[in-house]
Amino acid sequence: MAHNVPEKDASGFVLLSDYIPSIVQEIRYFSTYNFIGDRIDGYEEPIALLTKEAARALKTVANEMNVKGYRLKIFDTYRPTTAVKHFILWGIEDQDVRMKPYFYPNVVKQDLFSEGYIAKKSSHSRGSTVDLTLLDMRTGKEVDMGSPFDWFGIESHPDYRGITEEQYENRMFLQKAMVRNGFTPIDCEWWHFTLADEPYPDRYFEFPVAMDSIKI
């Protein structure tokens, strides 16, 4: 199959909670609490799917963090191309800005794509990208990273120094653990990491986020 055609073969993917039972999941695009305000197309169940290779690498991160008193909290992993199309169509419809105060108060909606906050072709659709943070097991709360997940603004850039030293150190604590285990960060979202040696660097998948997708 041509690489530019969305693929439906999920044989290289696994259910992340099978690999890492300790993860906490808040699959935002299955819910209505996201930058659009609706459940996103392609998210049929609130589960995290990931390539086997990325799941193995993330398991090592989880084990390291568990020893230090933290759990991984997952917001998004594999994202179908149908979800990306939903984002693009929403971006064209300029009337709908109901979630702007919560996710992009300082960015014009039409600039979300050009400024890199939303991709028209997402690495998530290749199956080895994860959006995550840390949960402090002593408090049961997310570690303070200085901005929430999917906050579209300069405040979410990993190297942004307009936050407290502790918040910056928390970002670097997560980033160093991810990089040490084979993931690559990006410059505009502290929560976003892609497996450097991803198994499908040129393939974009379309199958839905659902248990049925990965059943053999």
C-alpha atoms as a PDB file:
ATOM      1  CA  MET A   1       0.000   0.000   0.000  1.00  0.00           C
ATOM      2  CA  ALA A   2       1.291   3.466  -0.822  1.00  0.00           C
ATOM      3  CA  HIS A   3       2.667   5.335   2.157  1.00  0.00           C
ATOM      4  CA  ASN A   4       0.478   8.371   1.537  1.00  0.00           C
ATOM      5  CA  VAL A   5      -2.680   6.276   1.871  1.00  0.00           C
ATOM      6  CA  PRO A   6      -4.045   5.943   5.439  1.00  0.00           C
ATOM      7  CA  GLU A   7      -3.557   2.396   6.629  1.00  0.00           C
ATOM      8  CA  LYS A   8      -5.908   0.175   8.548  1.00  0.00           C
ATOM      9  CA  ASP A   9      -3.493  -2.596   9.623  1.00  0.00           C
ATOM     10  CA  ALA A  10      -3.139  -2.439  13.412  1.00  0.00           C
ATOM     11  CA  SER A  11      -1.085  -5.619  13.780  1.00  0.00           C
ATOM     12  CA  GLY A  12       1.964  -3.709  15.056  1.00  0.00           C
ATOM     13  CA  PHE A  13      -0.015  -1.985  17.819  1.00  0.00           C
ATOM     14  CA  VAL A  14      -0.782  -2.925  21.418  1.00  0.00           C
ATOM     15  CA  LEU A  15      -3.019  -1.770  24.247  1.00  0.00           C
ATOM     16  CA  LEU A  16      -0.697   0.379  26.346  1.00  0.00           C
ATOM     17  CA  SER A  17      -2.286  -0.625  29.659  1.00  0.00           C
ATOM     18  CA  ASP A  18      -1.341  -4.245  28.912  1.00  0.00           C
ATOM     19  CA  TYR A  19       2.314  -3.174  28.847  1.00  0.00           C
ATOM     20  CA  ILE A  20       2.113  -0.640  31.669  1.00  0.00           C
ATOM     21  CA  PRO A  21      -0.686  -1.504  34.129  1.00  0.00           C
ATOM     22  CA  SER A  22       0.341   1.420  36.375  1.00  0.00           C
ATOM     23  CA  ILE A  23      -0.487   4.175  33.875  1.00  0.00           C
ATOM     24  CA  VAL A  24      -3.216   6.682  34.556  1.00  0.00           C
ATOM     25  CA  GLN A  25      -5.261   7.514  31.470  1.00  0.00           C
ATOM     26  CA  GLU A  26      -7.247  10.617  30.642  1.00  0.00           C
ATOM     27  CA  ILE A  27      -7.867  10.216  26.924  1.00  0.00           C
ATOM     28  CA  ARG A  28      -8.935  13.782  26.222  1.00  0.00           C
ATOM     29  CA  TYR A  29     -10.067  13.322  22.633  1.00  0.00           C
ATOM     30  CA  PHE A  30     -12.567  10.650  23.669  1.00  0.00           C
ATOM     31  CA  SER A  31     -14.081  13.194  26.067  1.00  0.00           C
ATOM     32  CA  THR A  32     -15.502  16.649  25.379  1.00  0.00           C
ATOM     33  CA  TYR A  33     -12.841  18.342  27.523  1.00  0.00           C
ATOM     34  CA  ASN A  34     -10.435  19.257  24.739  1.00  0.00           C
ATOM     35  CA  PHE A  35      -9.684  22.290  22.585  1.00  0.00           C
ATOM     36  CA  ILE A  36     -12.637  21.569  20.262  1.00  0.00           C
ATOM     37  CA  GLY A  37     -15.218  20.689  22.919  1.00  0.00           C
ATOM     38  CA  ASP A  38     -16.547  17.515  21.261  1.00  0.00           C
ATOM     39  CA  ARG A  39     -15.503  13.884  21.196  1.00  0.00           C
ATOM     40  CA  ILE A  40     -13.074  13.579  18.312  1.00  0.00           C
ATOM     41  CA  ASP A  41     -13.760  11.370  15.292  1.00  0.00           C
ATOM     42  CA  GLY A  42     -11.971   8.019  15.485  1.00  0.00           C
ATOM     43  CA  TYR A  43     -11.900   7.818  19.280  1.00  0.00           C
ATOM     44  CA  GLU A  44     -14.410   5.042  19.964  1.00  0.00           C
ATOM     45  CA  GLU A  45     -13.096   4.005  23.388  1.00  0.00           C
ATOM     46  CA  PRO A  46     -11.043   5.802  26.086  1.00  0.00           C
ATOM     47  CA  ILE A  47      -7.968   3.627  25.605  1.00  0.00           C
ATOM     48  CA  ALA A  48      -4.361   4.194  24.549  1.00  0.00           C
ATOM     49  CA  LEU A  49      -2.959   2.278  21.581  1.00  0.00           C
ATOM     50  CA  LEU A  50       0.732   2.437  20.668  1.00  0.00           C
ATOM     51  CA  THR A  51       3.241   0.547  18.556  1.00  0.00           C
ATOM     52  CA  LYS A  52       4.903  -2.340  20.356  1.00  0.00           C
ATOM     53  CA  GLU A  53       8.290  -0.627  20.113  1.00  0.00           C
ATOM     54  CA  ALA A  54       7.065   2.622  21.653  1.00  0.00           C
ATOM     55  CA  ALA A  55       5.148   0.750  24.356  1.00  0.00           C
ATOM     56  CA  ARG A  56       8.299  -1.164  25.343  1.00  0.00           C
ATOM     57  CA  ALA A  57      10.337   2.041  25.572  1.00  0.00           C
ATOM     58  CA  LEU A  58       7.618   3.790  27.559  1.00  0.00           C
ATOM     59  CA  LYS A  59       7.441   0.834  29.945  1.00  0.00           C
ATOM     60  CA  THR A  60      11.058   1.492  30.895  1.00  0.00           C
ATOM     61  CA  VAL A  61      10.212   5.148  31.569  1.00  0.00           C
ATOM     62  CA  ALA A  62       7.242   4.068  33.699  1.00  0.00           C
ATOM     63  CA  ASN A  63       9.389   1.682  35.728  1.00  0.00           C
ATOM     64  CA  GLU A  64      11.967   4.404  36.398  1.00  0.00           C
ATOM     65  CA  MET A  65       9.277   6.853  37.455  1.00  0.00           C
ATOM     66  CA  ASN A  66       7.452   4.315  39.643  1.00  0.00           C
ATOM     67  CA  VAL A  67      10.635   3.808  41.660  1.00  0.00           C
ATOM     68  CA  LYS A  68      10.820   7.585  42.182  1.00  0.00           C
ATOM     69  CA  GLY A  69       7.204   7.853  43.296  1.00  0.00           C
ATOM     70  CA  TYR A  70       5.489   8.838  40.048  1.00  0.00           C
ATOM     71  CA  ARG A  71       3.138   7.317  37.525  1.00  0.00           C
ATOM     72  CA  LEU A  72       2.764   8.228  33.884  1.00  0.00           C
ATOM     73  CA  LYS A  73      -0.478   9.998  33.026  1.00  0.00           C
ATOM     74  CA  ILE A  74      -1.454   9.549  29.385  1.00  0.00           C
ATOM     75  CA  PHE A  75      -3.515  12.116  27.470  1.00  0.00           C
ATOM     76  CA  ASP A  76      -3.073  10.767  23.943  1.00  0.00           C
ATOM     77  CA  THR A  77      -1.088   8.165  22.021  1.00  0.00           C
ATOM     78  CA  TYR A  78      -2.063   6.802  18.600  1.00  0.00           C
ATOM     79  CA  ARG A  79      -4.358   9.263  16.809  1.00  0.00           C
ATOM     80  CA  PRO A  80      -6.241   8.117  13.682  1.00  0.00           C
ATOM     81  CA  THR A  81      -6.036  10.233  10.538  1.00  0.00           C
ATOM     82  CA  THR A  82      -9.810  10.637  10.839  1.00  0.00           C
ATOM     83  CA  ALA A  83      -9.202  12.606  14.055  1.00  0.00           C
ATOM     84  CA  VAL A  84      -6.685  14.851  12.307  1.00  0.00           C
ATOM     85  CA  LYS A  85      -9.271  15.532   9.591  1.00  0.00           C
ATOM     86  CA  HIS A  86     -11.706  16.501  12.358  1.00  0.00           C
ATOM     87  CA  PHE A  87      -9.139  19.020  13.652  1.00  0.00           C
ATOM     88  CA  ILE A  88      -8.619  20.473  10.164  1.00  0.00           C
ATOM     89  CA  LEU A  89     -12.329  20.857   9.459  1.00  0.00           C
ATOM     90  CA  TRP A  90     -12.772  22.540  12.834  1.00  0.00           C
ATOM     91  CA  GLY A  91      -9.947  24.902  11.981  1.00  0.00           C
ATOM     92  CA  ILE A  92     -11.726  25.940   8.770  1.00  0.00           C
ATOM     93  CA  GLU A  93     -14.997  26.609  10.626  1.00  0.00           C
ATOM     94  CA  ASP A  94     -14.035  29.917  12.199  1.00  0.00           C
ATOM     95  CA  GLN A  95     -17.249  30.411  14.202  1.00  0.00           C
ATOM     96  CA  ASP A  96     -16.575  27.751  16.834  1.00  0.00           C
ATOM     97  CA  VAL A  97     -14.296  29.158  19.528  1.00  0.00           C
ATOM     98  CA  ARG A  98     -16.171  27.976  22.632  1.00  0.00           C
ATOM     99  CA  MET A  99     -13.072  26.346  24.170  1.00  0.00           C
ATOM    100  CA  LYS A 100     -10.746  29.273  23.410  1.00  0.00           C
ATOM    101  CA  PRO A 101     -10.626  30.595  27.014  1.00  0.00           C
ATOM    102  CA  TYR A 102      -9.413  27.217  28.273  1.00  0.00           C
ATOM    103  CA  PHE A 103      -6.892  26.174  25.639  1.00  0.00           C
ATOM    104  CA  TYR A 104      -5.824  29.036  23.351  1.00  0.00           C
ATOM    105  CA  PRO A 105      -6.831  32.380  24.898  1.00  0.00           C
ATOM    106  CA  ASN A 106      -3.864  34.267  23.419  1.00  0.00           C
ATOM    107  CA  VAL A 107      -3.692  32.657  19.968  1.00  0.00           C
ATOM    108  CA  VAL A 108      -5.997  33.401  17.049  1.00  0.00           C
ATOM    109  CA  LYS A 109      -7.746  30.158  16.146  1.00  0.00           C
ATOM    110  CA  GLN A 110      -6.683  30.332  12.489  1.00  0.00           C
ATOM    111  CA  ASP A 111      -3.031  30.577  13.578  1.00  0.00           C
ATOM    112  CA  LEU A 112      -3.054  27.301  15.522  1.00  0.00           C
ATOM    113  CA  PHE A 113      -1.880  25.391  12.448  1.00  0.00           C
ATOM    114  CA  SER A 114       0.689  27.885  11.144  1.00  0.00           C
ATOM    115  CA  GLU A 115       2.233  28.260  14.609  1.00  0.00           C
ATOM    116  CA  GLY A 116       2.635  24.488  14.943  1.00  0.00           C
ATOM    117  CA  TYR A 117       0.188  23.722  17.731  1.00  0.00           C
ATOM    118  CA  ILE A 118      -1.989  21.519  15.533  1.00  0.00           C
ATOM    119  CA  ALA A 119      -0.472  19.476  12.708  1.00  0.00           C
ATOM    120  CA  LYS A 120      -2.237  18.742   9.428  1.00  0.00           C
ATOM    121  CA  LYS A 121      -0.245  15.485   9.358  1.00  0.00           C
ATOM    122  CA  SER A 122       0.358  14.287  12.885  1.00  0.00           C
ATOM    123  CA  SER A 123       3.174  12.095  14.158  1.00  0.00           C
ATOM    124  CA  HIS A 124       0.517  10.594  16.451  1.00  0.00           C
ATOM    125  CA  SER A 125      -0.987   8.883  13.389  1.00  0.00           C
ATOM    126  CA  ARG A 126       2.262   6.932  12.933  1.00  0.00           C
ATOM    127  CA  GLY A 127       1.621   5.279  16.286  1.00  0.00           C
ATOM    128  CA  SER A 128       4.807   6.002  18.244  1.00  0.00           C
ATOM    129  CA  THR A 129       4.013   9.410  19.717  1.00  0.00           C
ATOM    130  CA  VAL A 130       2.690  10.014  23.213  1.00  0.00           C
ATOM    131  CA  ASP A 131       1.299  13.024  25.096  1.00  0.00           C
ATOM    132  CA  LEU A 132       1.832  12.593  28.813  1.00  0.00           C
ATOM    133  CA  THR A 133       2.667  14.056  32.176  1.00  0.00           C
ATOM    134  CA  LEU A 134       3.559  12.729  35.617  1.00  0.00           C
ATOM    135  CA  LEU A 135       1.293  11.933  38.547  1.00  0.00           C
ATOM    136  CA  ASP A 136       2.779  12.303  42.020  1.00  0.00           C
ATOM    137  CA  MET A 137       1.700   9.195  43.908  1.00  0.00           C
ATOM    138  CA  ARG A 138       2.087  10.936  47.284  1.00  0.00           C
ATOM    139  CA  THR A 139      -0.439  13.641  46.460  1.00  0.00           C
ATOM    140  CA  GLY A 140      -2.472  11.899  43.751  1.00  0.00           C
ATOM    141  CA  LYS A 141      -2.132  15.046  41.642  1.00  0.00           C
ATOM    142  CA  GLU A 142      -0.416  15.911  38.390  1.00  0.00           C
ATOM    143  CA  VAL A 143       3.074  17.329  38.753  1.00  0.00           C
ATOM    144  CA  ASP A 144       3.006  21.100  38.165  1.00  0.00           C
ATOM    145  CA  MET A 145       4.488  21.693  34.713  1.00  0.00           C
ATOM    146  CA  GLY A 146       3.585  25.382  34.498  1.00  0.00           C
ATOM    147  CA  SER A 147       0.874  24.968  31.866  1.00  0.00           C
ATOM    148  CA  PRO A 148      -1.853  22.382  31.278  1.00  0.00           C
ATOM    149  CA  PHE A 149      -1.944  19.789  28.499  1.00  0.00           C
ATOM    150  CA  ASP A 150      -2.977  21.222  25.113  1.00  0.00           C
ATOM    151  CA  TRP A 151      -2.394  24.793  26.222  1.00  0.00           C
ATOM    152  CA  PHE A 152      -1.610  26.452  22.912  1.00  0.00           C
ATOM    153  CA  GLY A 153       0.818  29.242  23.653  1.00  0.00           C
ATOM    154  CA  ILE A 154       4.448  30.028  24.301  1.00  0.00           C
ATOM    155  CA  GLU A 155       3.962  28.980  27.912  1.00  0.00           C
ATOM    156  CA  SER A 156       3.901  25.330  26.768  1.00  0.00           C
ATOM    157  CA  HIS A 157       7.286  25.472  25.028  1.00  0.00           C
ATOM    158  CA  PRO A 158       9.593  23.173  27.034  1.00  0.00           C
ATOM    159  CA  ASP A 159      12.313  25.819  27.268  1.00  0.00           C
ATOM    160  CA  TYR A 160       9.968  28.647  28.335  1.00  0.00           C
ATOM    161  CA  ARG A 161      11.454  30.349  31.402  1.00  0.00           C
ATOM    162  CA  GLY A 162       8.473  32.503  32.385  1.00  0.00           C
ATOM    163  CA  ILE A 163       7.479  29.815  34.889  1.00  0.00           C
ATOM    164  CA  THR A 164       8.888  28.970  38.297  1.00  0.00           C
ATOM    165  CA  GLU A 165      12.204  27.167  38.602  1.00  0.00           C
ATOM    166  CA  GLU A 166      10.402  24.168  40.084  1.00  0.00           C
ATOM    167  CA  GLN A 167       7.961  23.998  37.158  1.00  0.00           C
ATOM    168  CA  TYR A 168      10.856  24.180  34.691  1.00  0.00           C
ATOM    169  CA  GLU A 169      12.755  21.472  36.568  1.00  0.00           C
ATOM    170  CA  ASN A 170       9.642  19.274  36.488  1.00  0.00           C
ATOM    171  CA  ARG A 171       9.507  19.602  32.694  1.00  0.00           C
ATOM    172  CA  MET A 172      13.173  18.711  32.395  1.00  0.00           C
ATOM    173  CA  PHE A 173      12.748  15.749  34.775  1.00  0.00           C
ATOM    174  CA  LEU A 174      10.118  14.292  32.439  1.00  0.00           C
ATOM    175  CA  GLN A 175      11.998  15.225  29.283  1.00  0.00           C
ATOM    176  CA  LYS A 176      15.311  13.700  30.401  1.00  0.00           C
ATOM    177  CA  ALA A 177      13.616  10.423  31.329  1.00  0.00           C
ATOM    178  CA  MET A 178      11.897  10.261  27.943  1.00  0.00           C
ATOM    179  CA  VAL A 179      15.040  11.153  25.979  1.00  0.00           C
ATOM    180  CA  ARG A 180      17.118   8.669  27.968  1.00  0.00           C
ATOM    181  CA  ASN A 181      14.743   5.939  26.839  1.00  0.00           C
ATOM    182  CA  GLY A 182      14.705   6.764  23.150  1.00  0.00           C
ATOM    183  CA  PHE A 183      12.080   9.477  22.730  1.00  0.00           C
ATOM    184  CA  THR A 184      12.496  12.847  21.031  1.00  0.00           C
ATOM    185  CA  PRO A 185      10.788  16.029  22.300  1.00  0.00           C
ATOM    186  CA  ILE A 186       9.450  18.899  20.203  1.00  0.00           C
ATOM    187  CA  ASP A 187       9.980  22.608  20.772  1.00  0.00           C
ATOM    188  CA  CYS A 188       6.397  23.772  21.353  1.00  0.00           C
ATOM    189  CA  GLU A 189       4.803  21.186  23.681  1.00  0.00           C
ATOM    190  CA  TRP A 190       6.430  19.919  26.892  1.00  0.00           C
ATOM    191  CA  TRP A 191       4.115  16.857  26.957  1.00  0.00           C
ATOM    192  CA  HIS A 192       4.789  15.546  23.406  1.00  0.00           C
ATOM    193  CA  PHE A 193       7.384  12.851  22.594  1.00  0.00           C
ATOM    194  CA  THR A 194       7.999  10.573  19.609  1.00  0.00           C
ATOM    195  CA  LEU A 195      10.078   7.385  19.609  1.00  0.00           C
ATOM    196  CA  ALA A 196      13.264   8.336  17.749  1.00  0.00           C
ATOM    197  CA  ASP A 197      13.559   4.930  16.094  1.00  0.00           C
ATOM    198  CA  GLU A 198       9.846   4.643  15.312  1.00  0.00           C
ATOM    199  CA  PRO A 199       8.848   1.551  13.295  1.00  0.00           C
ATOM    200  CA  TYR A 200       6.549   3.375  10.842  1.00  0.00           C
ATOM    201  CA  PRO A 201       8.226   6.716  10.025  1.00  0.00           C
ATOM    202  CA  ASP A 202       6.299   7.146   6.774  1.00  0.00           C
ATOM    203  CA  ARG A 203       2.984   5.458   7.496  1.00  0.00           C
ATOM    204  CA  TYR A 204      -0.174   7.165   8.737  1.00  0.00           C
ATOM    205  CA  PHE A 205      -2.869   4.902  10.162  1.00  0.00           C
ATOM    206  CA  GLU A 206      -6.628   5.270  10.041  1.00  0.00           C
ATOM    207  CA  PHE A 207      -8.077   2.476  12.184  1.00  0.00           C
ATOM    208  CA  PRO A 208     -10.164   3.719  15.148  1.00  0.00           C
ATOM    209  CA  VAL A 209      -9.057   3.850  18.761  1.00  0.00           C
ATOM    210  CA  ALA A 210     -10.970   0.756  19.850  1.00  0.00           C
ATOM    211  CA  MET A 211     -10.257  -2.693  21.249  1.00  0.00           C
ATOM    212  CA  ASP A 212     -11.627  -4.278  18.098  1.00  0.00           C
ATOM    213  CA  SER A 213      -8.840  -2.654  16.086  1.00  0.00           C
ATOM    214  CA  ILE A 214      -6.116  -4.693  17.761  1.00  0.00           C
ATOM    215  CA  LYS A 215      -7.948  -7.983  18.278  1.00  0.00           C
ATOM    216  CA  ILE A 216      -6.392 -10.747  16.239  1.00  0.00           C
END
